[in-house]
Structure formats: C-alpha cells, structure tokens
Amino acid sequence: MKMNHQQSSRDDRTDNVERLQDMVQNTIENIEASQETMAFASDEERQRIEAKNKRREESIEAFRNEIKDEASDRENGYR
C-alpha cells in the first residue's frame, strides 16, 4: 500500500501586511456603501446596518493592530 505524505507548507507571511491593508480598505468601502443604503432603509434595516457597521469598525481596529504586529515582525525577520 502506497502512502502519500504531504509536507506541510511553510507559513508565508511576506504579504500579510498588504492583505490586511486590502481588508481594511474593503471594509471601509463596505461601510460607505451601507451608509448610502441607509438613506432608503426602514428603521429596522437601518438598525441592522448600524450594528453591522459597528462590528466592521471593530474589525478595522483589529486589522490595524495586526498590521502593526506583522510590520514589526517583518522588520525583525519573522523570528
């Protein structure tokens, strides 16, 4: 019986900062688009959008903290 062994791929972190920055930008764009939608939304929909945007703001803060960590790690050679 032949066994297939897969080697685990190395953790490639070289583009993490850029990917996280893209995620921040996309999230900001989603907030802006949803704010435009709120002009036509019912009260209930508006509350849902506001709650979702609050979660998006929290995500942006977490992304930015992770960007700082990744940038620092990059400068230190990912030790």
C-alpha atoms as a PDB file:
ATOM      1  CA  MET A   1       0.000   0.000   0.000  1.00  0.00           C
ATOM      2  CA  LYS A   2       1.495   3.281  -1.108  1.00  0.00           C
ATOM      3  CA  MET A   3       1.317   6.127   1.420  1.00  0.00           C
ATOM      4  CA  ASN A   4       1.066   9.689   0.266  1.00  0.00           C
ATOM      5  CA  HIS A   5       2.839  12.050   2.587  1.00  0.00           C
ATOM      6  CA  GLN A   6       2.095  15.698   2.215  1.00  0.00           C
ATOM      7  CA  GLN A   7       4.605  18.121   3.503  1.00  0.00           C
ATOM      8  CA  SER A   8       3.129  20.949   5.435  1.00  0.00           C
ATOM      9  CA  SER A   9       3.524  24.193   3.598  1.00  0.00           C
ATOM     10  CA  ARG A  10       5.586  26.861   5.212  1.00  0.00           C
ATOM     11  CA  ASP A  11       3.789  29.817   6.699  1.00  0.00           C
ATOM     12  CA  ASP A  12       4.352  32.502   4.065  1.00  0.00           C
ATOM     13  CA  ARG A  13       3.795  35.804   5.814  1.00  0.00           C
ATOM     14  CA  THR A  14       5.532  38.008   3.275  1.00  0.00           C
ATOM     15  CA  ASP A  15       2.312  39.610   2.025  1.00  0.00           C
ATOM     16  CA  ASN A  16       0.288  39.687   5.259  1.00  0.00           C
ATOM     17  CA  VAL A  17       0.599  43.457   5.712  1.00  0.00           C
ATOM     18  CA  GLU A  18      -0.661  44.120   2.198  1.00  0.00           C
ATOM     19  CA  ARG A  19      -3.501  41.613   2.510  1.00  0.00           C
ATOM     20  CA  LEU A  20      -4.585  43.152   5.806  1.00  0.00           C
ATOM     21  CA  GLN A  21      -4.438  46.643   4.298  1.00  0.00           C
ATOM     22  CA  ASP A  22      -6.673  45.438   1.463  1.00  0.00           C
ATOM     23  CA  MET A  23      -9.089  44.028   4.023  1.00  0.00           C
ATOM     24  CA  VAL A  24      -9.202  47.386   5.841  1.00  0.00           C
ATOM     25  CA  GLN A  25      -9.887  49.201   2.562  1.00  0.00           C
ATOM     26  CA  ASN A  26     -12.613  46.743   1.547  1.00  0.00           C
ATOM     27  CA  THR A  27     -14.275  47.059   4.949  1.00  0.00           C
ATOM     28  CA  ILE A  28     -14.203  50.861   4.733  1.00  0.00           C
ATOM     29  CA  GLU A  29     -15.804  50.660   1.282  1.00  0.00           C
ATOM     30  CA  ASN A  30     -18.497  48.356   2.670  1.00  0.00           C
ATOM     31  CA  ILE A  31     -19.250  50.846   5.444  1.00  0.00           C
ATOM     32  CA  GLU A  32     -19.522  53.691   2.938  1.00  0.00           C
ATOM     33  CA  ALA A  33     -21.808  51.686   0.656  1.00  0.00           C
ATOM     34  CA  SER A  34     -24.040  50.680   3.541  1.00  0.00           C
ATOM     35  CA  GLN A  35     -24.308  54.283   4.704  1.00  0.00           C
ATOM     36  CA  GLU A  36     -25.624  55.201   1.272  1.00  0.00           C
ATOM     37  CA  THR A  37     -28.142  52.362   1.537  1.00  0.00           C
ATOM     38  CA  MET A  38     -29.371  53.633   4.907  1.00  0.00           C
ATOM     39  CA  ALA A  39     -30.974  56.636   3.202  1.00  0.00           C
ATOM     40  CA  PHE A  40     -33.540  54.266   1.700  1.00  0.00           C
ATOM     41  CA  ALA A  41     -33.780  51.772   4.570  1.00  0.00           C
ATOM     42  CA  SER A  42     -36.586  51.211   7.022  1.00  0.00           C
ATOM     43  CA  ASP A  43     -35.929  51.834  10.718  1.00  0.00           C
ATOM     44  CA  GLU A  44     -35.371  48.125  11.313  1.00  0.00           C
ATOM     45  CA  GLU A  45     -32.964  47.820   8.370  1.00  0.00           C
ATOM     46  CA  ARG A  46     -31.152  50.976   9.486  1.00  0.00           C
ATOM     47  CA  GLN A  47     -30.601  49.477  12.954  1.00  0.00           C
ATOM     48  CA  ARG A  48     -29.203  46.284  11.426  1.00  0.00           C
ATOM     49  CA  ILE A  49     -26.883  48.286   9.180  1.00  0.00           C
ATOM     50  CA  GLU A  50     -25.682  50.415  12.087  1.00  0.00           C
ATOM     51  CA  ALA A  51     -24.980  47.299  14.164  1.00  0.00           C
ATOM     52  CA  LYS A  52     -23.100  45.690  11.298  1.00  0.00           C
ATOM     53  CA  ASN A  53     -21.073  48.851  10.720  1.00  0.00           C
ATOM     54  CA  LYS A  54     -20.139  48.889  14.401  1.00  0.00           C
ATOM     55  CA  ARG A  55     -18.799  45.358  14.028  1.00  0.00           C
ATOM     56  CA  ARG A  56     -16.968  46.444  10.878  1.00  0.00           C
ATOM     57  CA  GLU A  57     -15.328  49.319  12.783  1.00  0.00           C
ATOM     58  CA  GLU A  58     -14.192  46.835  15.428  1.00  0.00           C
ATOM     59  CA  SER A  59     -12.769  44.614  12.695  1.00  0.00           C
ATOM     60  CA  ILE A  60     -10.880  47.541  11.192  1.00  0.00           C
ATOM     61  CA  GLU A  61      -9.308  48.262  14.567  1.00  0.00           C
ATOM     62  CA  ALA A  62      -8.267  44.615  14.912  1.00  0.00           C
ATOM     63  CA  PHE A  63      -6.867  44.584  11.351  1.00  0.00           C
ATOM     64  CA  ARG A  64      -4.828  47.715  12.078  1.00  0.00           C
ATOM     65  CA  ASN A  65      -3.402  46.180  15.245  1.00  0.00           C
ATOM     66  CA  GLU A  66      -2.490  43.067  13.307  1.00  0.00           C
ATOM     67  CA  ILE A  67      -0.874  45.202  10.583  1.00  0.00           C
ATOM     68  CA  LYS A  68       1.339  46.802  13.227  1.00  0.00           C
ATOM     69  CA  ASP A  69       2.312  43.380  14.570  1.00  0.00           C
ATOM     70  CA  GLU A  70       3.024  41.981  11.117  1.00  0.00           C
ATOM     71  CA  ALA A  71       5.028  45.050  10.070  1.00  0.00           C
ATOM     72  CA  SER A  72       7.117  44.758  13.236  1.00  0.00           C
ATOM     73  CA  ASP A  73       7.647  41.045  12.631  1.00  0.00           C
ATOM     74  CA  ARG A  74       8.652  41.769   9.041  1.00  0.00           C
ATOM     75  CA  GLU A  75      11.242  44.297  10.204  1.00  0.00           C
ATOM     76  CA  ASN A  76      12.618  41.749  12.663  1.00  0.00           C
ATOM     77  CA  GLY A  77      12.840  38.979  10.090  1.00  0.00           C
ATOM     78  CA  TYR A  78       9.785  36.983  11.272  1.00  0.00           C
ATOM     79  CA  ARG A  79      11.625  35.497  14.234  1.00  0.00           C
END
